[in-house]
Protein backbone atom coordinates (compact mmCIF):
# COMPACT_ATOMS: atom_id res chain seq x y z
CA UNK A 1 9.27 -37.75 8.85
CA UNK A 2 9.07 -34.02 8.29
CA UNK A 3 12.01 -32.37 6.57
CA UNK A 4 12.61 -28.76 5.58
CA UNK A 5 15.58 -28.18 3.31
CA UNK A 6 16.81 -24.66 2.59
CA UNK A 7 18.87 -23.65 -0.39
CA UNK A 8 20.07 -20.51 -2.13
CA UNK A 9 22.37 -18.95 0.44
CA UNK A 10 25.81 -17.67 -0.39
CA UNK A 11 28.12 -14.70 -0.60
CA UNK A 12 26.82 -11.53 -2.23
CA UNK A 13 28.02 -7.94 -2.45
CA UNK A 14 26.08 -5.13 -0.77
CA UNK A 15 23.16 -4.12 -2.95
CA UNK A 16 22.92 -7.57 -4.46
CA UNK A 17 20.13 -10.13 -4.40
CA UNK A 18 19.61 -13.72 -3.31
CA UNK A 19 16.64 -16.03 -3.38
CA UNK A 20 16.23 -18.60 -0.62
CA UNK A 21 14.01 -21.61 -1.05
CA UNK A 22 12.67 -24.11 1.46
CA UNK A 23 11.37 -27.46 0.26
CA UNK A 24 9.12 -29.38 2.62
CA UNK A 25 8.59 -33.12 2.67
CA UNK A 26 6.52 -35.31 4.96
CA UNK A 27 4.01 -32.52 5.52
CA UNK A 28 1.76 -30.30 3.46
CA UNK A 29 2.56 -26.70 4.29
CA UNK A 30 -0.35 -25.26 2.35
CA UNK A 31 -2.45 -24.16 5.32
CA UNK A 32 0.33 -23.62 7.85
CA UNK A 33 2.04 -20.39 8.75
CA UNK A 34 5.47 -20.42 7.16
CA UNK A 35 8.33 -18.16 8.06
CA UNK A 36 11.95 -17.25 7.64
CA UNK A 37 14.11 -16.46 10.64
CA UNK A 38 17.74 -15.48 10.87
CA UNK A 39 20.49 -15.62 13.44
CA UNK A 40 23.57 -13.48 13.17
CA UNK A 41 26.74 -14.41 14.99
CA UNK A 42 26.41 -13.61 18.69
CA UNK A 43 22.76 -12.64 18.41
CA UNK A 44 19.42 -14.28 19.05
CA UNK A 45 17.35 -15.78 16.27
CA UNK A 46 14.86 -13.25 14.94
CA UNK A 47 11.84 -13.40 12.63
CA UNK A 48 12.33 -12.00 9.15
CA UNK A 49 9.12 -12.71 7.26
CA UNK A 50 6.07 -14.94 7.47
CA UNK A 51 3.18 -15.98 5.27
CA UNK A 52 -0.06 -17.50 6.50
CA UNK A 53 -2.22 -20.07 4.83
CA UNK A 54 -4.44 -17.21 3.69
CA UNK A 55 -1.49 -15.65 1.91
CA UNK A 56 -1.18 -12.64 4.19
CA UNK A 57 2.37 -11.65 5.02
CA UNK A 58 4.38 -9.95 7.74
CA UNK A 59 7.89 -8.53 7.62
CA UNK A 60 10.42 -7.30 10.11
CA UNK A 61 10.83 -3.54 9.84
CA UNK A 62 14.47 -3.99 8.88
CA UNK A 63 13.58 -5.88 5.68
CA UNK A 64 10.33 -4.23 4.59
CA UNK A 65 10.48 -3.13 0.97
CA UNK A 66 13.56 -5.28 0.31
CA UNK A 67 12.48 -8.85 1.03
CA UNK A 68 9.48 -10.75 -0.32
CA UNK A 69 8.17 -14.04 1.01
CA UNK A 70 6.15 -16.30 -1.25
CA UNK A 71 4.85 -19.83 -1.35
CA UNK A 72 4.17 -22.42 -4.01
CA UNK A 73 1.47 -24.75 -2.77
CA UNK A 74 1.86 -27.14 -5.67
CA UNK A 75 5.59 -27.53 -5.05
CA UNK A 76 5.22 -27.41 -1.23
CA UNK A 77 7.87 -24.71 -1.01
CA UNK A 78 8.31 -21.30 0.54
CA UNK A 79 10.80 -18.76 -0.76
CA UNK A 80 12.40 -15.51 0.31
CA UNK A 81 13.51 -13.03 -2.34
CA UNK A 82 16.09 -10.72 -0.85
CA UNK A 83 17.02 -7.53 -2.70
CA UNK A 84 19.21 -4.57 -1.82
CA UNK A 85 21.11 -6.70 0.63
CA UNK A 86 23.12 -5.02 3.36
CA UNK A 87 26.03 -6.27 5.45
CA UNK A 88 23.71 -6.37 8.46
CA UNK A 89 21.63 -9.01 6.66
CA UNK A 90 24.51 -11.44 7.14
CA UNK A 91 23.21 -14.41 9.13
CA UNK A 92 22.13 -18.01 9.00
CA UNK A 93 18.60 -18.09 7.61
CA UNK A 94 16.17 -20.74 8.79
CA UNK A 95 12.89 -21.89 7.33
CA UNK A 96 10.06 -22.60 9.77
CA UNK A 97 6.66 -24.19 9.35
CA UNK A 98 4.07 -24.08 12.08
CA UNK A 99 5.51 -21.40 14.31
CA UNK A 100 8.71 -20.95 16.36
CA UNK A 101 7.53 -22.85 19.45
CA UNK A 102 6.00 -26.07 18.14
CA UNK A 103 6.84 -25.95 14.48
CA UNK A 104 9.46 -27.50 12.26
CA UNK A 105 12.84 -26.01 11.36
CA UNK A 106 15.24 -26.42 8.51
CA UNK A 107 18.97 -26.79 8.99
CA UNK A 108 19.71 -23.22 7.93
CA UNK A 109 21.57 -21.62 5.05
CA UNK A 110 24.33 -19.04 5.38
CA UNK A 111 23.90 -15.63 3.79
CA UNK A 112 26.94 -13.38 3.79
CA UNK A 113 26.79 -9.83 2.47
CA UNK A 114 30.25 -8.41 2.01
CA UNK A 115 32.39 -6.59 -0.50
């Protein structure tokens, strides 16, 4: 049984930082494409960042230079370091392994950026 468990969300002031982590079990994520998506209230889920098995990365324009996706193959985890957070980053963040159509999803973790 494949499980993805996110952690690290919370409430942070604008300009602050958070680090999200996603721990996978039941599957090795080493060679899969792994990504973070987010869904703000009333909006569609959107891609934030992804990292391929090769280690190459992609970022949404809105987070480039502020967010960094990384993976730890030994720990079977993928993380998202979020710096210089803005109120518009407020959303539920989801971990994905294997792509948005046929892949696996975590349960999501809330990130709220507010003063």
